[in-house]
Amino acid sequence: MLIDEFNEAFDSDLHMSDVDTMAGYLITALGMIPDEGEKLSFDVDNITLVSEEMEGSRILKIRVIFHDPEETEAEPEEERRYFRKEFEDDEPRR
């Protein structure tokens, strides 16, 4: 999915130089390509992006988790930046 399409669909304002897709955005934000089966996440604004499904070096599915903006502001910045976590196998958004 293109970042512009994501922004329009979810009324968000994500942007990154030289990146057009959400998969590219997540890989660039993480600073690495997740291994197959590895679920890495990145928090930006009130959104958590999780690499749900990989095929080689391609992200096939990204889980998008929206947080209440008031709760996000209350968390310390260093806890929101980058973390590894396993999530339950719910139906991810693509």
PDB file of N, CA and C in Angstrom:
ATOM      1  N   MET A   1       0.849  -1.167   0.000  1.00  0.00           N
ATOM      2  CA  MET A   1       0.000   0.000   0.000  1.00  0.00           C
ATOM      3  C   MET A   1       0.897   1.234   0.000  1.00  0.00           C
ATOM      4  N   LEU A   2       0.533   2.203  -0.794  1.00  0.00           N
ATOM      5  CA  LEU A   2       1.274   3.455  -0.826  1.00  0.00           C
ATOM      6  C   LEU A   2       1.033   4.245   0.459  1.00  0.00           C
ATOM      7  N   ILE A   3       2.040   4.984   0.888  1.00  0.00           N
ATOM      8  CA  ILE A   3       1.911   5.807   2.092  1.00  0.00           C
ATOM      9  C   ILE A   3       0.779   6.817   1.917  1.00  0.00           C
ATOM     10  N   ASP A   4       0.670   7.414   0.727  1.00  0.00           N
ATOM     11  CA  ASP A   4      -0.402   8.383   0.471  1.00  0.00           C
ATOM     12  C   ASP A   4      -1.779   7.744   0.617  1.00  0.00           C
ATOM     13  N   GLU A   5      -1.934   6.502   0.144  1.00  0.00           N
ATOM     14  CA  GLU A   5      -3.211   5.790   0.282  1.00  0.00           C
ATOM     15  C   GLU A   5      -3.509   5.508   1.753  1.00  0.00           C
ATOM     16  N   PHE A   6      -2.485   5.097   2.497  1.00  0.00           N
ATOM     17  CA  PHE A   6      -2.639   4.846   3.931  1.00  0.00           C
ATOM     18  C   PHE A   6      -3.081   6.126   4.638  1.00  0.00           C
ATOM     19  N   ASN A   7      -2.397   7.231   4.355  1.00  0.00           N
ATOM     20  CA  ASN A   7      -2.735   8.507   4.987  1.00  0.00           C
ATOM     21  C   ASN A   7      -4.171   8.918   4.690  1.00  0.00           C
ATOM     22  N   GLU A   8      -4.596   8.717   3.460  1.00  0.00           N
ATOM     23  CA  GLU A   8      -5.965   9.072   3.086  1.00  0.00           C
ATOM     24  C   GLU A   8      -6.979   8.161   3.774  1.00  0.00           C
ATOM     25  N   ALA A   9      -6.708   6.865   3.790  1.00  0.00           N
ATOM     26  CA  ALA A   9      -7.644   5.897   4.372  1.00  0.00           C
ATOM     27  C   ALA A   9      -7.772   6.055   5.883  1.00  0.00           C
ATOM     28  N   PHE A  10      -6.670   6.395   6.553  1.00  0.00           N
ATOM     29  CA  PHE A  10      -6.679   6.432   8.016  1.00  0.00           C
ATOM     30  C   PHE A  10      -6.501   7.832   8.590  1.00  0.00           C
ATOM     31  N   ASP A  11      -6.628   8.847   7.744  1.00  0.00           N
ATOM     32  CA  ASP A  11      -6.527  10.238   8.180  1.00  0.00           C
ATOM     33  C   ASP A  11      -5.264  10.458   9.023  1.00  0.00           C
ATOM     34  N   SER A  12      -4.140   9.977   8.487  1.00  0.00           N
ATOM     35  CA  SER A  12      -2.862  10.140   9.183  1.00  0.00           C
ATOM     36  C   SER A  12      -1.944  11.020   8.341  1.00  0.00           C
ATOM     37  N   ASP A  13      -0.751  11.274   8.842  1.00  0.00           N
ATOM     38  CA  ASP A  13       0.184  12.159   8.151  1.00  0.00           C
ATOM     39  C   ASP A  13       1.592  11.568   8.173  1.00  0.00           C
ATOM     40  N   LEU A  14       1.710  10.303   7.762  1.00  0.00           N
ATOM     41  CA  LEU A  14       3.024   9.671   7.706  1.00  0.00           C
ATOM     42  C   LEU A  14       3.731  10.107   6.430  1.00  0.00           C
ATOM     43  N   HIS A  15       5.029  10.327   6.525  1.00  0.00           N
ATOM     44  CA  HIS A  15       5.822  10.639   5.340  1.00  0.00           C
ATOM     45  C   HIS A  15       7.290  10.348   5.635  1.00  0.00           C
ATOM     46  N   MET A  16       8.013   9.995   4.581  1.00  0.00           N
ATOM     47  CA  MET A  16       9.434   9.705   4.707  1.00  0.00           C
ATOM     48  C   MET A  16      10.066   9.920   3.335  1.00  0.00           C
ATOM     49  N   SER A  17      11.215  10.559   3.310  1.00  0.00           N
ATOM     50  CA  SER A  17      11.914  10.823   2.050  1.00  0.00           C
ATOM     51  C   SER A  17      12.317   9.521   1.368  1.00  0.00           C
ATOM     52  N   ASP A  18      12.186   9.485   0.056  1.00  0.00           N
ATOM     53  CA  ASP A  18      12.625   8.364  -0.781  1.00  0.00           C
ATOM     54  C   ASP A  18      11.897   7.053  -0.521  1.00  0.00           C
ATOM     55  N   VAL A  19      10.734   7.084   0.118  1.00  0.00           N
ATOM     56  CA  VAL A  19       9.961   5.869   0.388  1.00  0.00           C
ATOM     57  C   VAL A  19       8.517   6.122  -0.039  1.00  0.00           C
ATOM     58  N   ASP A  20       7.941   5.188  -0.806  1.00  0.00           N
ATOM     59  CA  ASP A  20       6.574   5.352  -1.298  1.00  0.00           C
ATOM     60  C   ASP A  20       5.573   4.411  -0.648  1.00  0.00           C
ATOM     61  N   THR A  21       6.038   3.237  -0.188  1.00  0.00           N
ATOM     62  CA  THR A  21       5.113   2.223   0.319  1.00  0.00           C
ATOM     63  C   THR A  21       5.191   2.103   1.835  1.00  0.00           C
ATOM     64  N   MET A  22       4.156   1.528   2.418  1.00  0.00           N
ATOM     65  CA  MET A  22       4.143   1.305   3.863  1.00  0.00           C
ATOM     66  C   MET A  22       5.209   0.290   4.260  1.00  0.00           C
ATOM     67  N   ALA A  23       5.446  -0.715   3.430  1.00  0.00           N
ATOM     68  CA  ALA A  23       6.501  -1.690   3.729  1.00  0.00           C
ATOM     69  C   ALA A  23       7.860  -0.996   3.750  1.00  0.00           C
ATOM     70  N   GLY A  24       8.110  -0.149   2.769  1.00  0.00           N
ATOM     71  CA  GLY A  24       9.356   0.611   2.733  1.00  0.00           C
ATOM     72  C   GLY A  24       9.481   1.544   3.921  1.00  0.00           C
ATOM     73  N   TYR A  25       8.358   2.151   4.305  1.00  0.00           N
ATOM     74  CA  TYR A  25       8.347   3.038   5.472  1.00  0.00           C
ATOM     75  C   TYR A  25       8.761   2.270   6.721  1.00  0.00           C
ATOM     76  N   LEU A  26       8.153   1.093   6.930  1.00  0.00           N
ATOM     77  CA  LEU A  26       8.437   0.316   8.136  1.00  0.00           C
ATOM     78  C   LEU A  26       9.885  -0.171   8.153  1.00  0.00           C
ATOM     79  N   ILE A  27      10.382  -0.683   7.040  1.00  0.00           N
ATOM     80  CA  ILE A  27      11.772  -1.151   6.977  1.00  0.00           C
ATOM     81  C   ILE A  27      12.737   0.002   7.247  1.00  0.00           C
ATOM     82  N   THR A  28      12.481   1.157   6.651  1.00  0.00           N
ATOM     83  CA  THR A  28      13.347   2.316   6.862  1.00  0.00           C
ATOM     84  C   THR A  28      13.281   2.791   8.304  1.00  0.00           C
ATOM     85  N   ALA A  29      12.082   2.836   8.869  1.00  0.00           N
ATOM     86  CA  ALA A  29      11.918   3.273  10.260  1.00  0.00           C
ATOM     87  C   ALA A  29      12.611   2.314  11.224  1.00  0.00           C
ATOM     88  N   LEU A  30      12.532   1.023  10.954  1.00  0.00           N
ATOM     89  CA  LEU A  30      13.179   0.025  11.807  1.00  0.00           C
ATOM     90  C   LEU A  30      14.695   0.047  11.651  1.00  0.00           C
ATOM     91  N   GLY A  31      15.153   0.426  10.458  1.00  0.00           N
ATOM     92  CA  GLY A  31      16.581   0.414  10.185  1.00  0.00           C
ATOM     93  C   GLY A  31      17.109  -0.971   9.879  1.00  0.00           C
ATOM     94  N   MET A  32      16.207  -1.899   9.616  1.00  0.00           N
ATOM     95  CA  MET A  32      16.585  -3.277   9.305  1.00  0.00           C
ATOM     96  C   MET A  32      15.416  -3.994   8.646  1.00  0.00           C
ATOM     97  N   ILE A  33      15.722  -5.106   7.995  1.00  0.00           N
ATOM     98  CA  ILE A  33      14.685  -5.945   7.400  1.00  0.00           C
ATOM     99  C   ILE A  33      14.405  -7.087   8.365  1.00  0.00           C
ATOM    100  N   PRO A  34      13.156  -7.234   8.813  1.00  0.00           N
ATOM    101  CA  PRO A  34      12.836  -8.339   9.730  1.00  0.00           C
ATOM    102  C   PRO A  34      13.073  -9.695   9.067  1.00  0.00           C
ATOM    103  N   ASP A  35      13.476 -10.671   9.856  1.00  0.00           N
ATOM    104  CA  ASP A  35      13.609 -12.040   9.364  1.00  0.00           C
ATOM    105  C   ASP A  35      12.223 -12.648   9.213  1.00  0.00           C
ATOM    106  N   GLU A  36      12.112 -13.704   8.393  1.00  0.00           N
ATOM    107  CA  GLU A  36      10.828 -14.395   8.268  1.00  0.00           C
ATOM    108  C   GLU A  36      10.414 -14.897   9.641  1.00  0.00           C
ATOM    109  N   GLY A  37       9.163 -14.668  10.007  1.00  0.00           N
ATOM    110  CA  GLY A  37       8.641 -15.082  11.304  1.00  0.00           C
ATOM    111  C   GLY A  37       8.912 -14.085  12.416  1.00  0.00           C
ATOM    112  N   GLU A  38       9.727 -13.076  12.160  1.00  0.00           N
ATOM    113  CA  GLU A  38      10.048 -12.070  13.175  1.00  0.00           C
ATOM    114  C   GLU A  38       9.054 -10.918  13.071  1.00  0.00           C
ATOM    115  N   LYS A  39       8.496 -10.536  14.196  1.00  0.00           N
ATOM    116  CA  LYS A  39       7.532  -9.443  14.224  1.00  0.00           C
ATOM    117  C   LYS A  39       8.167  -8.262  14.943  1.00  0.00           C
ATOM    118  N   LEU A  40       8.538  -7.261  14.156  1.00  0.00           N
ATOM    119  CA  LEU A  40       9.117  -6.050  14.717  1.00  0.00           C
ATOM    120  C   LEU A  40       8.092  -4.940  14.615  1.00  0.00           C
ATOM    121  N   SER A  41       8.140  -4.015  15.552  1.00  0.00           N
ATOM    122  CA  SER A  41       7.167  -2.932  15.534  1.00  0.00           C
ATOM    123  C   SER A  41       7.854  -1.589  15.667  1.00  0.00           C
ATOM    124  N   PHE A  42       7.160  -0.574  15.172  1.00  0.00           N
ATOM    125  CA  PHE A  42       7.633   0.801  15.234  1.00  0.00           C
ATOM    126  C   PHE A  42       6.449   1.685  15.577  1.00  0.00           C
ATOM    127  N   ASP A  43       6.629   2.566  16.541  1.00  0.00           N
ATOM    128  CA  ASP A  43       5.584   3.499  16.950  1.00  0.00           C
ATOM    129  C   ASP A  43       5.852   4.869  16.355  1.00  0.00           C
ATOM    130  N   VAL A  44       4.801   5.452  15.794  1.00  0.00           N
ATOM    131  CA  VAL A  44       4.868   6.813  15.281  1.00  0.00           C
ATOM    132  C   VAL A  44       3.523   7.460  15.568  1.00  0.00           C
ATOM    133  N   ASP A  45       3.570   8.666  16.133  1.00  0.00           N
ATOM    134  CA  ASP A  45       2.350   9.359  16.544  1.00  0.00           C
ATOM    135  C   ASP A  45       1.520   8.422  17.417  1.00  0.00           C
ATOM    136  N   ASN A  46       0.277   8.169  17.053  1.00  0.00           N
ATOM    137  CA  ASN A  46      -0.570   7.263  17.841  1.00  0.00           C
ATOM    138  C   ASN A  46      -0.794   5.932  17.115  1.00  0.00           C
ATOM    139  N   ILE A  47       0.200   5.523  16.314  1.00  0.00           N
ATOM    140  CA  ILE A  47       0.097   4.318  15.492  1.00  0.00           C
ATOM    141  C   ILE A  47       1.277   3.389  15.782  1.00  0.00           C
ATOM    142  N   THR A  48       0.996   2.090  15.895  1.00  0.00           N
ATOM    143  CA  THR A  48       2.052   1.080  15.947  1.00  0.00           C
ATOM    144  C   THR A  48       1.961   0.259  14.672  1.00  0.00           C
ATOM    145  N   LEU A  49       3.079   0.136  13.963  1.00  0.00           N
ATOM    146  CA  LEU A  49       3.167  -0.674  12.752  1.00  0.00           C
ATOM    147  C   LEU A  49       3.959  -1.929  13.091  1.00  0.00           C
ATOM    148  N   VAL A  50       3.413  -3.107  12.759  1.00  0.00           N
ATOM    149  CA  VAL A  50       4.050  -4.381  13.092  1.00  0.00           C
ATOM    150  C   VAL A  50       4.255  -5.190  11.811  1.00  0.00           C
ATOM    151  N   SER A  51       5.463  -5.684  11.601  1.00  0.00           N
ATOM    152  CA  SER A  51       5.729  -6.566  10.454  1.00  0.00           C
ATOM    153  C   SER A  51       5.108  -7.922  10.769  1.00  0.00           C
ATOM    154  N   GLU A  52       3.995  -8.225  10.151  1.00  0.00           N
ATOM    155  CA  GLU A  52       3.238  -9.445  10.450  1.00  0.00           C
ATOM    156  C   GLU A  52       3.682 -10.641   9.630  1.00  0.00           C
ATOM    157  N   GLU A  53       3.936 -10.434   8.350  1.00  0.00           N
ATOM    158  CA  GLU A  53       4.284 -11.564   7.478  1.00  0.00           C
ATOM    159  C   GLU A  53       5.376 -11.142   6.506  1.00  0.00           C
ATOM    160  N   MET A  54       6.417 -11.960   6.446  1.00  0.00           N
ATOM    161  CA  MET A  54       7.560 -11.691   5.581  1.00  0.00           C
ATOM    162  C   MET A  54       7.701 -12.797   4.540  1.00  0.00           C
ATOM    163  N   GLU A  55       8.239 -12.443   3.387  1.00  0.00           N
ATOM    164  CA  GLU A  55       8.646 -13.414   2.373  1.00  0.00           C
ATOM    165  C   GLU A  55      10.008 -12.952   1.880  1.00  0.00           C
ATOM    166  N   GLY A  56      11.044 -13.622   2.346  1.00  0.00           N
ATOM    167  CA  GLY A  56      12.394 -13.157   2.044  1.00  0.00           C
ATOM    168  C   GLY A  56      12.611 -11.801   2.691  1.00  0.00           C
ATOM    169  N   SER A  57      12.959 -10.816   1.880  1.00  0.00           N
ATOM    170  CA  SER A  57      13.172  -9.466   2.413  1.00  0.00           C
ATOM    171  C   SER A  57      11.960  -8.558   2.202  1.00  0.00           C
ATOM    172  N   ARG A  58      10.829  -9.142   1.789  1.00  0.00           N
ATOM    173  CA  ARG A  58       9.614  -8.354   1.541  1.00  0.00           C
ATOM    174  C   ARG A  58       8.632  -8.482   2.695  1.00  0.00           C
ATOM    175  N   ILE A  59       8.085  -7.357   3.120  1.00  0.00           N
ATOM    176  CA  ILE A  59       6.997  -7.379   4.095  1.00  0.00           C
ATOM    177  C   ILE A  59       5.700  -7.559   3.315  1.00  0.00           C
ATOM    178  N   LEU A  60       4.980  -8.647   3.595  1.00  0.00           N
ATOM    179  CA  LEU A  60       3.719  -8.918   2.902  1.00  0.00           C
ATOM    180  C   LEU A  60       2.525  -8.344   3.643  1.00  0.00           C
ATOM    181  N   LYS A  61       2.582  -8.346   4.987  1.00  0.00           N
ATOM    182  CA  LYS A  61       1.471  -7.831   5.792  1.00  0.00           C
ATOM    183  C   LYS A  61       2.007  -6.991   6.936  1.00  0.00           C
ATOM    184  N   ILE A  62       1.332  -5.884   7.162  1.00  0.00           N
ATOM    185  CA  ILE A  62       1.643  -5.004   8.286  1.00  0.00           C
ATOM    186  C   ILE A  62       0.393  -4.890   9.141  1.00  0.00           C
ATOM    187  N   ARG A  63       0.551  -5.128  10.431  1.00  0.00           N
ATOM    188  CA  ARG A  63      -0.559  -4.895  11.361  1.00  0.00           C
ATOM    189  C   ARG A  63      -0.488  -3.425  11.780  1.00  0.00           C
ATOM    190  N   VAL A  64      -1.624  -2.768  11.772  1.00  0.00           N
ATOM    191  CA  VAL A  64      -1.700  -1.367  12.174  1.00  0.00           C
ATOM    192  C   VAL A  64      -2.536  -1.297  13.440  1.00  0.00           C
ATOM    193  N   ILE A  65      -1.950  -0.745  14.491  1.00  0.00           N
ATOM    194  CA  ILE A  65      -2.646  -0.605  15.769  1.00  0.00           C
ATOM    195  C   ILE A  65      -2.741   0.884  16.077  1.00  0.00           C
ATOM    196  N   PHE A  66      -3.965   1.354  16.253  1.00  0.00           N
ATOM    197  CA  PHE A  66      -4.176   2.758  16.586  1.00  0.00           C
ATOM    198  C   PHE A  66      -4.356   2.890  18.093  1.00  0.00           C
ATOM    199  N   HIS A  67      -3.711   3.889  18.671  1.00  0.00           N
ATOM    200  CA  HIS A  67      -3.783   4.134  20.106  1.00  0.00           C
ATOM    201  C   HIS A  67      -4.512   5.443  20.369  1.00  0.00           C
ATOM    202  N   ASP A  68      -5.129   5.516  21.531  1.00  0.00           N
ATOM    203  CA  ASP A  68      -5.752   6.758  21.968  1.00  0.00           C
ATOM    204  C   ASP A  68      -4.641   7.800  22.109  1.00  0.00           C
ATOM    205  N   PRO A  69      -4.753   8.946  21.426  1.00  0.00           N
ATOM    206  CA  PRO A  69      -3.692   9.960  21.498  1.00  0.00           C
ATOM    207  C   PRO A  69      -3.351  10.389  22.927  1.00  0.00           C
ATOM    208  N   GLU A  70      -4.317  10.421  23.811  1.00  0.00           N
ATOM    209  CA  GLU A  70      -4.048  10.818  25.195  1.00  0.00           C
ATOM    210  C   GLU A  70      -3.176   9.784  25.897  1.00  0.00           C
ATOM    211  N   GLU A  71      -3.404   8.488  25.636  1.00  0.00           N
ATOM    212  CA  GLU A  71      -2.581   7.436  26.234  1.00  0.00           C
ATOM    213  C   GLU A  71      -1.164   7.486  25.682  1.00  0.00           C
ATOM    214  N   THR A  72      -1.028   7.746  24.382  1.00  0.00           N
ATOM    215  CA  THR A  72       0.283   7.796  23.745  1.00  0.00           C
ATOM    216  C   THR A  72       1.126   8.917  24.331  1.00  0.00           C
ATOM    217  N   GLU A  73       0.527  10.074  24.582  1.00  0.00           N
ATOM    218  CA  GLU A  73       1.257  11.209  25.142  1.00  0.00           C
ATOM    219  C   GLU A  73       1.750  10.924  26.545  1.00  0.00           C
ATOM    220  N   ALA A  74       1.067  10.052  27.281  1.00  0.00           N
ATOM    221  CA  ALA A  74       1.439   9.766  28.662  1.00  0.00           C
ATOM    222  C   ALA A  74       2.630   8.811  28.763  1.00  0.00           C
ATOM    223  N   GLU A  75       2.946   8.064  27.695  1.00  0.00           N
ATOM    224  CA  GLU A  75       4.051   7.105  27.721  1.00  0.00           C
ATOM    225  C   GLU A  75       5.378   7.820  27.505  1.00  0.00           C
ATOM    226  N   PRO A  76       6.438   7.370  28.181  1.00  0.00           N
ATOM    227  CA  PRO A  76       7.762   7.951  27.931  1.00  0.00           C
ATOM    228  C   PRO A  76       8.199   7.706  26.490  1.00  0.00           C
ATOM    229  N   GLU A  77       8.849   8.687  25.889  1.00  0.00           N
ATOM    230  CA  GLU A  77       9.266   8.621  24.482  1.00  0.00           C
ATOM    231  C   GLU A  77      10.106   7.389  24.181  1.00  0.00           C
ATOM    232  N   GLU A  78      11.061   7.045  25.045  1.00  0.00           N
ATOM    233  CA  GLU A  78      11.952   5.923  24.747  1.00  0.00           C
ATOM    234  C   GLU A  78      11.216   4.592  24.711  1.00  0.00           C
ATOM    235  N   GLU A  79      10.091   4.476  25.385  1.00  0.00           N
ATOM    236  CA  GLU A  79       9.323   3.233  25.377  1.00  0.00           C
ATOM    237  C   GLU A  79       8.496   3.090  24.105  1.00  0.00           C
ATOM    238  N   ARG A  80       8.258   4.185  23.385  1.00  0.00           N
ATOM    239  CA  ARG A  80       7.403   4.139  22.211  1.00  0.00           C
ATOM    240  C   ARG A  80       8.181   3.992  20.911  1.00  0.00           C
ATOM    241  N   ARG A  81       9.469   4.222  20.916  1.00  0.00           N
ATOM    242  CA  ARG A  81      10.230   4.284  19.678  1.00  0.00           C
ATOM    243  C   ARG A  81      10.321   2.974  18.927  1.00  0.00           C
ATOM    244  N   TYR A  82      10.885   1.970  19.539  1.00  0.00           N
ATOM    245  CA  TYR A  82      11.189   0.740  18.804  1.00  0.00           C
ATOM    246  C   TYR A  82      11.239  -0.419  19.787  1.00  0.00           C
ATOM    247  N   PHE A  83      10.507  -1.457  19.500  1.00  0.00           N
ATOM    248  CA  PHE A  83      10.554  -2.608  20.380  1.00  0.00           C
ATOM    249  C   PHE A  83      10.188  -3.863  19.607  1.00  0.00           C
ATOM    250  N   ARG A  84      10.596  -5.019  20.146  1.00  0.00           N
ATOM    251  CA  ARG A  84      10.255  -6.312  19.561  1.00  0.00           C
ATOM    252  C   ARG A  84       9.186  -6.924  20.444  1.00  0.00           C
ATOM    253  N   LYS A  85       8.147  -7.445  19.832  1.00  0.00           N
ATOM    254  CA  LYS A  85       7.081  -8.035  20.618  1.00  0.00           C
ATOM    255  C   LYS A  85       6.287  -8.998  19.758  1.00  0.00           C
ATOM    256  N   GLU A  86       5.899 -10.089  20.346  1.00  0.00           N
ATOM    257  CA  GLU A  86       5.025 -11.032  19.659  1.00  0.00           C
ATOM    258  C   GLU A  86       3.578 -10.604  19.901  1.00  0.00           C
ATOM    259  N   PHE A  87       2.776 -10.656  18.867  1.00  0.00           N
ATOM    260  CA  PHE A  87       1.365 -10.323  18.978  1.00  0.00           C
ATOM    261  C   PHE A  87       0.540 -11.565  18.680  1.00  0.00           C
ATOM    262  N   GLU A  88      -0.673 -11.584  19.166  1.00  0.00           N
ATOM    263  CA  GLU A  88      -1.573 -12.693  18.873  1.00  0.00           C
ATOM    264  C   GLU A  88      -1.882 -12.714  17.386  1.00  0.00           C
ATOM    265  N   ASP A  89      -2.257 -13.863  16.882  1.00  0.00           N
ATOM    266  CA  ASP A  89      -2.543 -14.004  15.462  1.00  0.00           C
ATOM    267  C   ASP A  89      -3.967 -13.582  15.135  1.00  0.00           C
ATOM    268  N   ASP A  90      -4.258 -12.315  15.296  1.00  0.00           N
ATOM    269  CA  ASP A  90      -5.531 -11.757  14.848  1.00  0.00           C
ATOM    270  C   ASP A  90      -5.392 -11.440  13.370  1.00  0.00           C
ATOM    271  N   GLU A  91      -6.483 -11.110  12.731  1.00  0.00           N
ATOM    272  CA  GLU A  91      -6.457 -10.775  11.317  1.00  0.00           C
ATOM    273  C   GLU A  91      -5.773  -9.419  11.129  1.00  0.00           C
ATOM    274  N   PRO A  92      -4.547  -9.375  10.549  1.00  0.00           N
ATOM    275  CA  PRO A  92      -3.851  -8.099  10.367  1.00  0.00           C
ATOM    276  C   PRO A  92      -4.442  -7.304   9.213  1.00  0.00           C
ATOM    277  N   ARG A  93      -4.320  -5.987   9.303  1.00  0.00           N
ATOM    278  CA  ARG A  93      -4.717  -5.127   8.191  1.00  0.00           C
ATOM    279  C   ARG A  93      -3.551  -5.053   7.233  1.00  0.00           C
ATOM    280  N   ARG A  94      -3.850  -4.904   5.977  1.00  0.00           N
ATOM    281  CA  ARG A  94      -2.789  -4.849   4.979  1.00  0.00           C
ATOM    282  C   ARG A  94      -2.702  -3.496   4.372  1.00  0.00           C
TER     283      ARG A  94
END
